[in-house]
Amino acid sequence: MKLSNEAIIKCGVPQGSILAPLLFLTFINDFPNCLVNSKADLYADDTQVYTASQNISELEIKLNKDLAEIEVWLRANRLQVNITKTEYMLIGTDHRLSNLDHEPVLILNHNILKRVSK
């Protein structure tokens, strides 16, 4: 067994500690409160944010407003999002999705999110 050197922790919880999962869940419990137009499903350290609209422009506006609120919440809680794992998906019939007048541009932390189909 090898012990690490002692260090002062000013923020957060050491990864791999016994209490880390419980403390993380307690910490993130208020995340859905920052959303105005969307709902959130939280599962461990994975979060899905979703909303619905019949109009793609309205959907884009609603989601970008909530993504801006997520940025504020993350900053206030000293958390970071892994932008390389952050993607979005449009769900609808093939007919409706093929007739979109534009592809929505969703932005989080000054990054354009990648659209995926599965």
N, C-alpha and C. Protein backbone atom coordinates (compact mmCIF):
# COMPACT_ATOMS: atom_id res chain seq x y z
N MET A 1 0.84 -1.17 0.00
CA MET A 1 0.00 0.00 0.00
C MET A 1 0.89 1.24 0.00
N LYS A 2 0.50 2.23 -0.77
CA LYS A 2 1.25 3.48 -0.83
C LYS A 2 0.30 4.63 -0.52
N LEU A 3 0.68 5.47 0.39
CA LEU A 3 -0.13 6.62 0.78
C LEU A 3 0.32 7.85 0.01
N SER A 4 -0.64 8.67 -0.35
CA SER A 4 -0.33 9.94 -1.00
C SER A 4 0.12 10.94 0.05
N ASN A 5 0.78 11.99 -0.39
CA ASN A 5 1.13 13.07 0.52
C ASN A 5 -0.12 13.82 0.94
N GLU A 6 -0.10 14.37 2.13
CA GLU A 6 -1.24 15.15 2.60
C GLU A 6 -1.35 16.43 1.79
N ALA A 7 -2.59 16.88 1.58
CA ALA A 7 -2.83 18.13 0.87
C ALA A 7 -4.11 18.75 1.41
N ILE A 8 -4.15 20.06 1.43
CA ILE A 8 -5.35 20.77 1.85
C ILE A 8 -6.30 20.84 0.67
N ILE A 9 -7.56 20.47 0.91
CA ILE A 9 -8.58 20.51 -0.14
C ILE A 9 -9.44 21.73 0.13
N LYS A 10 -9.40 22.69 -0.80
CA LYS A 10 -10.15 23.93 -0.63
C LYS A 10 -11.54 23.84 -1.23
N CYS A 11 -11.75 22.88 -2.11
CA CYS A 11 -13.02 22.78 -2.82
C CYS A 11 -13.18 21.36 -3.35
N GLY A 12 -14.38 20.82 -3.27
CA GLY A 12 -14.64 19.52 -3.87
C GLY A 12 -14.39 18.36 -2.92
N VAL A 13 -14.41 17.17 -3.47
CA VAL A 13 -14.25 15.93 -2.72
C VAL A 13 -13.21 15.09 -3.45
N PRO A 14 -12.28 14.47 -2.72
CA PRO A 14 -11.28 13.65 -3.40
C PRO A 14 -11.94 12.50 -4.16
N GLN A 15 -11.54 12.33 -5.41
CA GLN A 15 -12.07 11.24 -6.22
C GLN A 15 -11.69 9.91 -5.59
N GLY A 16 -12.62 8.98 -5.56
CA GLY A 16 -12.34 7.65 -5.03
C GLY A 16 -12.59 7.52 -3.55
N SER A 17 -12.93 8.62 -2.88
CA SER A 17 -13.21 8.52 -1.45
C SER A 17 -14.56 7.85 -1.23
N ILE A 18 -14.73 7.28 -0.07
CA ILE A 18 -15.95 6.55 0.24
C ILE A 18 -17.18 7.46 0.22
N LEU A 19 -17.02 8.68 0.68
CA LEU A 19 -18.15 9.61 0.74
C LEU A 19 -18.42 10.34 -0.57
N ALA A 20 -17.51 10.26 -1.52
CA ALA A 20 -17.63 11.05 -2.75
C ALA A 20 -18.98 10.90 -3.45
N PRO A 21 -19.50 9.68 -3.69
CA PRO A 21 -20.78 9.58 -4.39
C PRO A 21 -21.93 10.23 -3.63
N LEU A 22 -21.99 10.03 -2.33
CA LEU A 22 -23.08 10.62 -1.54
C LEU A 22 -22.96 12.14 -1.52
N LEU A 23 -21.77 12.65 -1.32
CA LEU A 23 -21.58 14.09 -1.30
C LEU A 23 -21.87 14.71 -2.66
N PHE A 24 -21.49 14.03 -3.73
CA PHE A 24 -21.77 14.54 -5.08
C PHE A 24 -23.28 14.64 -5.30
N LEU A 25 -24.01 13.61 -4.93
CA LEU A 25 -25.47 13.61 -5.12
C LEU A 25 -26.12 14.73 -4.30
N THR A 26 -25.63 14.94 -3.09
CA THR A 26 -26.15 16.02 -2.26
C THR A 26 -25.83 17.37 -2.90
N PHE A 27 -24.63 17.47 -3.44
CA PHE A 27 -24.15 18.70 -4.05
C PHE A 27 -24.97 19.07 -5.28
N ILE A 28 -25.29 18.09 -6.12
CA ILE A 28 -25.94 18.35 -7.41
C ILE A 28 -27.47 18.33 -7.32
N ASN A 29 -27.99 18.02 -6.15
CA ASN A 29 -29.42 17.84 -5.98
C ASN A 29 -30.26 19.04 -6.42
N ASP A 30 -29.74 20.25 -6.32
CA ASP A 30 -30.52 21.43 -6.69
C ASP A 30 -30.33 21.84 -8.16
N PHE A 31 -29.56 21.08 -8.91
CA PHE A 31 -29.31 21.42 -10.32
C PHE A 31 -30.59 21.68 -11.11
N PRO A 32 -31.62 20.83 -11.02
CA PRO A 32 -32.82 21.07 -11.83
C PRO A 32 -33.49 22.42 -11.56
N ASN A 33 -33.23 23.02 -10.40
CA ASN A 33 -33.84 24.31 -10.07
C ASN A 33 -33.34 25.45 -10.94
N CYS A 34 -32.19 25.28 -11.60
CA CYS A 34 -31.67 26.36 -12.45
C CYS A 34 -32.33 26.37 -13.82
N LEU A 35 -33.09 25.33 -14.14
CA LEU A 35 -33.70 25.22 -15.47
C LEU A 35 -35.06 25.92 -15.50
N VAL A 36 -35.29 26.71 -16.54
CA VAL A 36 -36.55 27.43 -16.69
C VAL A 36 -37.45 26.74 -17.71
N ASN A 37 -36.87 26.32 -18.83
CA ASN A 37 -37.64 25.78 -19.95
C ASN A 37 -37.51 24.27 -20.11
N SER A 38 -36.66 23.65 -19.33
CA SER A 38 -36.33 22.24 -19.53
C SER A 38 -36.53 21.46 -18.24
N LYS A 39 -36.42 20.16 -18.37
CA LYS A 39 -36.42 19.24 -17.24
C LYS A 39 -35.07 18.53 -17.26
N ALA A 40 -34.71 17.94 -16.12
CA ALA A 40 -33.44 17.22 -16.04
C ALA A 40 -33.64 15.87 -15.39
N ASP A 41 -32.95 14.88 -15.89
CA ASP A 41 -32.85 13.57 -15.25
C ASP A 41 -31.41 13.41 -14.81
N LEU A 42 -31.23 13.11 -13.53
CA LEU A 42 -29.88 12.94 -12.97
C LEU A 42 -29.68 11.47 -12.64
N TYR A 43 -28.57 10.93 -13.06
CA TYR A 43 -28.21 9.56 -12.72
C TYR A 43 -26.72 9.53 -12.44
N ALA A 44 -26.36 9.37 -11.17
CA ALA A 44 -24.96 9.42 -10.72
C ALA A 44 -24.36 10.72 -11.23
N ASP A 45 -23.31 10.66 -12.04
CA ASP A 45 -22.71 11.90 -12.55
C ASP A 45 -23.09 12.17 -14.00
N ASP A 46 -24.19 11.59 -14.45
CA ASP A 46 -24.69 11.77 -15.80
C ASP A 46 -26.00 12.54 -15.73
N THR A 47 -26.15 13.54 -16.57
CA THR A 47 -27.35 14.37 -16.56
C THR A 47 -27.90 14.50 -17.97
N GLN A 48 -29.22 14.38 -18.08
CA GLN A 48 -29.90 14.63 -19.35
C GLN A 48 -30.84 15.81 -19.15
N VAL A 49 -30.74 16.78 -20.04
CA VAL A 49 -31.62 17.94 -20.02
C VAL A 49 -32.47 17.86 -21.29
N TYR A 50 -33.79 18.04 -21.13
CA TYR A 50 -34.66 17.89 -22.30
C TYR A 50 -35.83 18.85 -22.23
N THR A 51 -36.34 19.17 -23.41
CA THR A 51 -37.53 19.99 -23.55
C THR A 51 -38.20 19.62 -24.86
N ALA A 52 -39.36 20.18 -25.11
CA ALA A 52 -40.10 19.86 -26.33
C ALA A 52 -40.66 21.13 -26.96
N SER A 53 -40.80 21.07 -28.28
CA SER A 53 -41.41 22.17 -29.01
C SER A 53 -41.77 21.68 -30.40
N GLN A 54 -42.77 22.29 -30.99
CA GLN A 54 -43.15 21.99 -32.36
C GLN A 54 -42.33 22.83 -33.35
N ASN A 55 -41.63 23.85 -32.82
CA ASN A 55 -40.91 24.80 -33.65
C ASN A 55 -39.42 24.73 -33.32
N ILE A 56 -38.58 24.48 -34.31
CA ILE A 56 -37.15 24.29 -34.08
C ILE A 56 -36.48 25.57 -33.58
N SER A 57 -36.90 26.72 -34.05
CA SER A 57 -36.31 27.98 -33.58
C SER A 57 -36.65 28.22 -32.12
N GLU A 58 -37.88 27.94 -31.74
CA GLU A 58 -38.30 28.08 -30.34
C GLU A 58 -37.51 27.11 -29.46
N LEU A 59 -37.34 25.90 -29.94
CA LEU A 59 -36.58 24.88 -29.20
C LEU A 59 -35.14 25.35 -28.98
N GLU A 60 -34.54 25.89 -30.01
CA GLU A 60 -33.16 26.40 -29.94
C GLU A 60 -33.05 27.52 -28.89
N ILE A 61 -33.98 28.43 -28.89
CA ILE A 61 -33.98 29.54 -27.93
C ILE A 61 -34.16 29.03 -26.51
N LYS A 62 -35.12 28.15 -26.32
CA LYS A 62 -35.38 27.61 -24.98
C LYS A 62 -34.16 26.87 -24.42
N LEU A 63 -33.57 26.03 -25.23
CA LEU A 63 -32.42 25.26 -24.76
C LEU A 63 -31.20 26.15 -24.51
N ASN A 64 -30.96 27.11 -25.38
CA ASN A 64 -29.81 27.98 -25.17
C ASN A 64 -29.96 28.85 -23.92
N LYS A 65 -31.19 29.25 -23.60
CA LYS A 65 -31.42 29.99 -22.35
C LYS A 65 -31.08 29.11 -21.15
N ASP A 66 -31.53 27.86 -21.19
CA ASP A 66 -31.23 26.96 -20.07
C ASP A 66 -29.75 26.57 -20.04
N LEU A 67 -29.11 26.44 -21.18
CA LEU A 67 -27.67 26.16 -21.19
C LEU A 67 -26.90 27.32 -20.57
N ALA A 68 -27.36 28.55 -20.79
CA ALA A 68 -26.73 29.71 -20.15
C ALA A 68 -26.93 29.64 -18.63
N GLU A 69 -28.10 29.22 -18.19
CA GLU A 69 -28.36 29.07 -16.75
C GLU A 69 -27.51 27.95 -16.15
N ILE A 70 -27.30 26.90 -16.93
CA ILE A 70 -26.43 25.80 -16.47
C ILE A 70 -25.01 26.31 -16.27
N GLU A 71 -24.53 27.15 -17.19
CA GLU A 71 -23.19 27.74 -17.04
C GLU A 71 -23.08 28.51 -15.73
N VAL A 72 -24.10 29.30 -15.40
CA VAL A 72 -24.10 30.08 -14.15
C VAL A 72 -24.08 29.13 -12.96
N TRP A 73 -24.91 28.09 -12.99
CA TRP A 73 -24.98 27.13 -11.88
C TRP A 73 -23.64 26.41 -11.70
N LEU A 74 -23.04 25.98 -12.80
CA LEU A 74 -21.74 25.30 -12.73
C LEU A 74 -20.68 26.20 -12.11
N ARG A 75 -20.64 27.45 -12.55
CA ARG A 75 -19.66 28.40 -12.02
C ARG A 75 -19.89 28.64 -10.53
N ALA A 76 -21.14 28.82 -10.13
CA ALA A 76 -21.46 29.07 -8.72
C ALA A 76 -21.10 27.89 -7.84
N ASN A 77 -21.17 26.68 -8.40
CA ASN A 77 -20.88 25.47 -7.63
C ASN A 77 -19.48 24.92 -7.88
N ARG A 78 -18.68 25.70 -8.62
CA ARG A 78 -17.29 25.34 -8.91
C ARG A 78 -17.18 23.95 -9.54
N LEU A 79 -18.06 23.71 -10.49
CA LEU A 79 -18.05 22.45 -11.22
C LEU A 79 -17.73 22.72 -12.68
N GLN A 80 -17.23 21.71 -13.35
CA GLN A 80 -16.93 21.81 -14.77
C GLN A 80 -17.67 20.71 -15.51
N VAL A 81 -18.09 21.03 -16.72
CA VAL A 81 -18.72 20.04 -17.58
C VAL A 81 -17.66 19.51 -18.53
N ASN A 82 -17.74 18.22 -18.83
CA ASN A 82 -16.84 17.64 -19.82
C ASN A 82 -17.47 17.89 -21.19
N ILE A 83 -17.05 18.94 -21.83
CA ILE A 83 -17.67 19.37 -23.09
C ILE A 83 -17.51 18.32 -24.19
N THR A 84 -16.45 17.50 -24.12
CA THR A 84 -16.26 16.47 -25.15
C THR A 84 -17.29 15.36 -25.03
N LYS A 85 -17.95 15.25 -23.89
CA LYS A 85 -18.99 14.23 -23.69
C LYS A 85 -20.39 14.84 -23.72
N THR A 86 -20.48 16.11 -24.05
CA THR A 86 -21.76 16.79 -24.05
C THR A 86 -22.28 16.90 -25.48
N GLU A 87 -23.43 16.28 -25.72
CA GLU A 87 -24.01 16.20 -27.07
C GLU A 87 -25.51 16.45 -26.98
N TYR A 88 -26.13 16.65 -28.12
CA TYR A 88 -27.58 16.75 -28.12
C TYR A 88 -28.17 15.90 -29.23
N MET A 89 -29.44 15.55 -29.02
CA MET A 89 -30.16 14.72 -29.98
C MET A 89 -31.55 15.30 -30.18
N LEU A 90 -32.00 15.32 -31.42
CA LEU A 90 -33.37 15.70 -31.72
C LEU A 90 -34.18 14.42 -31.88
N ILE A 91 -35.32 14.38 -31.25
CA ILE A 91 -36.17 13.20 -31.33
C ILE A 91 -37.48 13.60 -32.00
N GLY A 92 -37.84 12.85 -33.02
CA GLY A 92 -39.07 13.11 -33.76
C GLY A 92 -39.19 12.09 -34.87
N THR A 93 -40.24 12.20 -35.65
CA THR A 93 -40.40 11.28 -36.77
C THR A 93 -39.35 11.60 -37.84
N ASP A 94 -39.01 10.61 -38.64
CA ASP A 94 -38.05 10.83 -39.73
C ASP A 94 -38.52 11.95 -40.65
N HIS A 95 -39.81 11.99 -40.92
CA HIS A 95 -40.37 13.01 -41.81
C HIS A 95 -40.15 14.40 -41.24
N ARG A 96 -40.51 14.61 -39.97
CA ARG A 96 -40.36 15.93 -39.35
C ARG A 96 -38.90 16.34 -39.25
N LEU A 97 -38.03 15.41 -38.88
CA LEU A 97 -36.61 15.73 -38.74
C LEU A 97 -35.97 16.06 -40.09
N SER A 98 -36.41 15.41 -41.14
CA SER A 98 -35.83 15.68 -42.47
C SER A 98 -36.33 17.01 -43.04
N ASN A 99 -37.41 17.54 -42.48
CA ASN A 99 -37.97 18.80 -42.99
C ASN A 99 -37.63 20.01 -42.12
N LEU A 100 -36.65 19.90 -41.26
CA LEU A 100 -36.25 21.05 -40.44
C LEU A 100 -35.71 22.15 -41.33
N ASP A 101 -36.04 23.40 -41.01
CA ASP A 101 -35.53 24.50 -41.84
C ASP A 101 -34.10 24.88 -41.49
N HIS A 102 -33.62 24.44 -40.32
CA HIS A 102 -32.21 24.64 -39.97
C HIS A 102 -31.83 23.71 -38.83
N GLU A 103 -30.54 23.50 -38.71
CA GLU A 103 -30.00 22.70 -37.61
C GLU A 103 -29.79 23.63 -36.42
N PRO A 104 -30.35 23.30 -35.27
CA PRO A 104 -30.17 24.20 -34.12
C PRO A 104 -28.70 24.28 -33.70
N VAL A 105 -28.30 25.45 -33.26
CA VAL A 105 -26.95 25.66 -32.73
C VAL A 105 -27.11 25.82 -31.22
N LEU A 106 -26.61 24.84 -30.49
CA LEU A 106 -26.70 24.87 -29.03
C LEU A 106 -25.30 25.11 -28.47
N ILE A 107 -25.20 26.06 -27.54
CA ILE A 107 -23.90 26.49 -27.05
C ILE A 107 -23.82 26.36 -25.53
N LEU A 108 -22.72 25.76 -25.07
CA LEU A 108 -22.43 25.64 -23.65
C LEU A 108 -20.97 25.98 -23.43
N ASN A 109 -20.71 26.92 -22.54
CA ASN A 109 -19.33 27.35 -22.24
C ASN A 109 -18.58 27.75 -23.51
N HIS A 110 -19.24 28.50 -24.37
CA HIS A 110 -18.65 29.02 -25.61
C HIS A 110 -18.30 27.89 -26.61
N ASN A 111 -18.87 26.72 -26.43
CA ASN A 111 -18.65 25.59 -27.33
C ASN A 111 -19.97 25.20 -27.99
N ILE A 112 -19.92 24.98 -29.30
CA ILE A 112 -21.10 24.49 -30.01
C ILE A 112 -21.21 22.99 -29.77
N LEU A 113 -22.38 22.57 -29.29
CA LEU A 113 -22.57 21.16 -28.98
C LEU A 113 -22.78 20.37 -30.26
N LYS A 114 -22.29 19.14 -30.24
CA LYS A 114 -22.37 18.23 -31.38
C LYS A 114 -23.74 17.53 -31.36
N ARG A 115 -24.36 17.46 -32.53
CA ARG A 115 -25.61 16.71 -32.66
C ARG A 115 -25.29 15.25 -32.97
N VAL A 116 -25.98 14.35 -32.29
CA VAL A 116 -25.83 12.92 -32.53
C VAL A 116 -27.20 12.34 -32.86
N SER A 117 -27.18 11.15 -33.46
CA SER A 117 -28.46 10.52 -33.82
C SER A 117 -28.74 9.28 -32.98
N LYS A 118 -27.76 8.85 -32.23
CA LYS A 118 -27.98 7.69 -31.34
C LYS A 118 -27.01 7.74 -30.17
